[in-house]
C-alpha cells in the first residue's frame, strides 16, 4: 500500500531563541474537524519540519483538508488559531503564541 505524504515547516512569528527540546504536534484534519492523521516531532529549534502520512483511501472522501499545529517548549507554546488550509502536499504554517 502506498501512503500519501504531507510535509511542511512550522514557523513562529516572534524572533526569539527557543531552547531545545521543542515538541511539535501536527494534525491533518477534514473540513468538519475529523483528525485524519497526526504526528509528533521533537526538534532542537524552530522552524520545525514535519511529515504526516495518511492512507490515500481516507483522502478520497475528504476533498478539503487543513492542518492544526502546536509547538511547546520550556519558554512557551505556539499554535494555529485557525486551521491552515492545505493546497497540495506541502505547507508552511506560521504559528501564534498561545497565552498561558
C-alpha atoms as a PDB file:
ATOM      1  CA  UNK A   1       0.000   0.000   0.000  1.00  0.00           C
ATOM      2  CA  UNK A   2       1.297   3.461  -0.915  1.00  0.00           C
ATOM      3  CA  UNK A   3       0.717   6.232   1.598  1.00  0.00           C
ATOM      4  CA  UNK A   4       0.149   9.901   0.841  1.00  0.00           C
ATOM      5  CA  UNK A   5       2.693  12.170   2.485  1.00  0.00           C
ATOM      6  CA  UNK A   6       2.197  15.772   3.591  1.00  0.00           C
ATOM      7  CA  UNK A   7       5.335  17.717   4.507  1.00  0.00           C
ATOM      8  CA  UNK A   8       5.944  21.196   5.728  1.00  0.00           C
ATOM      9  CA  UNK A   9       7.553  23.614   8.099  1.00  0.00           C
ATOM     10  CA  UNK A  10       6.247  25.273  11.250  1.00  0.00           C
ATOM     11  CA  UNK A  11       7.384  28.843  11.938  1.00  0.00           C
ATOM     12  CA  UNK A  12       6.685  31.237  14.802  1.00  0.00           C
ATOM     13  CA  UNK A  13       6.073  34.980  14.445  1.00  0.00           C
ATOM     14  CA  UNK A  14       8.452  36.120  17.185  1.00  0.00           C
ATOM     15  CA  UNK A  15      12.165  36.334  16.569  1.00  0.00           C
ATOM     16  CA  UNK A  16      13.340  34.735  19.792  1.00  0.00           C
ATOM     17  CA  UNK A  17      15.685  31.912  20.659  1.00  0.00           C
ATOM     18  CA  UNK A  18      13.782  28.862  21.825  1.00  0.00           C
ATOM     19  CA  UNK A  19      15.825  26.347  23.824  1.00  0.00           C
ATOM     20  CA  UNK A  20      15.701  22.655  22.985  1.00  0.00           C
ATOM     21  CA  UNK A  21      13.801  20.490  23.157  1.00  0.00           C
ATOM     22  CA  UNK A  22      10.854  21.702  21.119  1.00  0.00           C
ATOM     23  CA  UNK A  23       7.913  19.327  20.677  1.00  0.00           C
ATOM     24  CA  UNK A  24       5.589  19.883  17.724  1.00  0.00           C
ATOM     25  CA  UNK A  25       2.258  18.191  17.099  1.00  0.00           C
ATOM     26  CA  UNK A  26       0.668  18.364  13.643  1.00  0.00           C
ATOM     27  CA  UNK A  27      -2.757  17.032  12.685  1.00  0.00           C
ATOM     28  CA  UNK A  28      -4.249  16.681   9.206  1.00  0.00           C
ATOM     29  CA  UNK A  29      -7.977  17.325   9.559  1.00  0.00           C
ATOM     30  CA  UNK A  30     -11.040  17.263   7.334  1.00  0.00           C
ATOM     31  CA  UNK A  31     -13.290  20.281   6.778  1.00  0.00           C
ATOM     32  CA  UNK A  32     -15.578  19.087   9.577  1.00  0.00           C
ATOM     33  CA  UNK A  33     -12.663  18.738  12.029  1.00  0.00           C
ATOM     34  CA  UNK A  34     -12.141  14.973  11.884  1.00  0.00           C
ATOM     35  CA  UNK A  35      -8.485  14.075  12.521  1.00  0.00           C
ATOM     36  CA  UNK A  36      -7.286  12.008   9.545  1.00  0.00           C
ATOM     37  CA  UNK A  37      -3.612  11.692  10.520  1.00  0.00           C
ATOM     38  CA  UNK A  38      -1.203  13.119  13.070  1.00  0.00           C
ATOM     39  CA  UNK A  39       2.439  13.205  14.047  1.00  0.00           C
ATOM     40  CA  UNK A  40       4.626  14.473  16.865  1.00  0.00           C
ATOM     41  CA  UNK A  41       8.159  15.709  16.243  1.00  0.00           C
ATOM     42  CA  UNK A  42      10.920  16.581  18.699  1.00  0.00           C
ATOM     43  CA  UNK A  43      13.312  19.224  17.395  1.00  0.00           C
ATOM     44  CA  UNK A  44      16.196  21.352  18.624  1.00  0.00           C
ATOM     45  CA  UNK A  45      14.706  24.654  17.449  1.00  0.00           C
ATOM     46  CA  UNK A  46      12.105  26.405  15.346  1.00  0.00           C
ATOM     47  CA  UNK A  47      11.397  26.227  12.430  1.00  0.00           C
ATOM     48  CA  UNK A  48      10.296  22.605  12.711  1.00  0.00           C
ATOM     49  CA  UNK A  49       9.978  20.367   9.669  1.00  0.00           C
ATOM     50  CA  UNK A  50       7.204  17.778   9.770  1.00  0.00           C
ATOM     51  CA  UNK A  51       5.912  14.812   7.788  1.00  0.00           C
ATOM     52  CA  UNK A  52       2.398  13.375   8.098  1.00  0.00           C
ATOM     53  CA  UNK A  53       1.436  10.144   6.322  1.00  0.00           C
ATOM     54  CA  UNK A  54      -2.121   9.111   5.592  1.00  0.00           C
ATOM     55  CA  UNK A  55      -3.898   6.332   3.717  1.00  0.00           C
ATOM     56  CA  UNK A  56      -4.975   7.758   0.313  1.00  0.00           C
ATOM     57  CA  UNK A  57      -8.306   5.919   0.589  1.00  0.00           C
ATOM     58  CA  UNK A  58      -9.164   8.182   3.519  1.00  0.00           C
ATOM     59  CA  UNK A  59      -8.377  11.230   1.389  1.00  0.00           C
ATOM     60  CA  UNK A  60     -10.773  10.096  -1.346  1.00  0.00           C
ATOM     61  CA  UNK A  61     -13.736  11.024   0.858  1.00  0.00           C
ATOM     62  CA  UNK A  62     -12.271  14.326   2.120  1.00  0.00           C
ATOM     63  CA  UNK A  63     -11.590  16.978  -0.514  1.00  0.00           C
ATOM     64  CA  UNK A  64     -10.983  19.982   1.791  1.00  0.00           C
ATOM     65  CA  UNK A  65      -8.068  19.430   4.143  1.00  0.00           C
ATOM     66  CA  UNK A  66      -6.448  21.590   6.794  1.00  0.00           C
ATOM     67  CA  UNK A  67      -3.609  21.444   9.296  1.00  0.00           C
ATOM     68  CA  UNK A  68      -3.685  22.068  13.024  1.00  0.00           C
ATOM     69  CA  UNK A  69      -0.293  22.566  14.657  1.00  0.00           C
ATOM     70  CA  UNK A  70       1.091  23.223  18.130  1.00  0.00           C
ATOM     71  CA  UNK A  71       4.652  23.745  19.372  1.00  0.00           C
ATOM     72  CA  UNK A  72       5.612  23.559  23.044  1.00  0.00           C
ATOM     73  CA  UNK A  73       8.918  24.460  24.668  1.00  0.00           C
ATOM     74  CA  UNK A  74      10.170  25.476  28.097  1.00  0.00           C
ATOM     75  CA  UNK A  75       9.566  29.147  27.222  1.00  0.00           C
ATOM     76  CA  UNK A  76       6.019  28.903  25.887  1.00  0.00           C
ATOM     77  CA  UNK A  77       3.591  27.478  23.383  1.00  0.00           C
ATOM     78  CA  UNK A  78       2.586  28.458  19.854  1.00  0.00           C
ATOM     79  CA  UNK A  79      -0.212  27.161  17.675  1.00  0.00           C
ATOM     80  CA  UNK A  80      -2.648  27.657  14.846  1.00  0.00           C
ATOM     81  CA  UNK A  81      -5.501  29.890  15.991  1.00  0.00           C
ATOM     82  CA  UNK A  82      -7.397  28.846  12.869  1.00  0.00           C
ATOM     83  CA  UNK A  83      -6.921  25.747  10.741  1.00  0.00           C
ATOM     84  CA  UNK A  84      -4.358  26.231   7.964  1.00  0.00           C
ATOM     85  CA  UNK A  85      -5.798  25.187   4.601  1.00  0.00           C
ATOM     86  CA  UNK A  86      -3.837  22.571   2.658  1.00  0.00           C
ATOM     87  CA  UNK A  87      -3.122  23.135  -1.036  1.00  0.00           C
ATOM     88  CA  UNK A  88      -1.071  20.283  -2.416  1.00  0.00           C
ATOM     89  CA  UNK A  89       1.204  18.127  -0.283  1.00  0.00           C
ATOM     90  CA  UNK A  90       3.433  20.805   1.262  1.00  0.00           C
ATOM     91  CA  UNK A  91       2.709  23.618   3.683  1.00  0.00           C
ATOM     92  CA  UNK A  92       4.392  26.405   5.580  1.00  0.00           C
ATOM     93  CA  UNK A  93       2.448  27.212   8.732  1.00  0.00           C
ATOM     94  CA  UNK A  94       3.017  30.329  10.844  1.00  0.00           C
ATOM     95  CA  UNK A  95       2.120  29.803  14.492  1.00  0.00           C
ATOM     96  CA  UNK A  96       0.964  32.394  17.022  1.00  0.00           C
ATOM     97  CA  UNK A  97       1.987  32.492  20.678  1.00  0.00           C
ATOM     98  CA  UNK A  98      -0.661  30.968  22.936  1.00  0.00           C
ATOM     99  CA  UNK A  99      -1.013  32.870  26.234  1.00  0.00           C
ATOM    100  CA  UNK A 100      -0.530  30.790  29.361  1.00  0.00           C
END
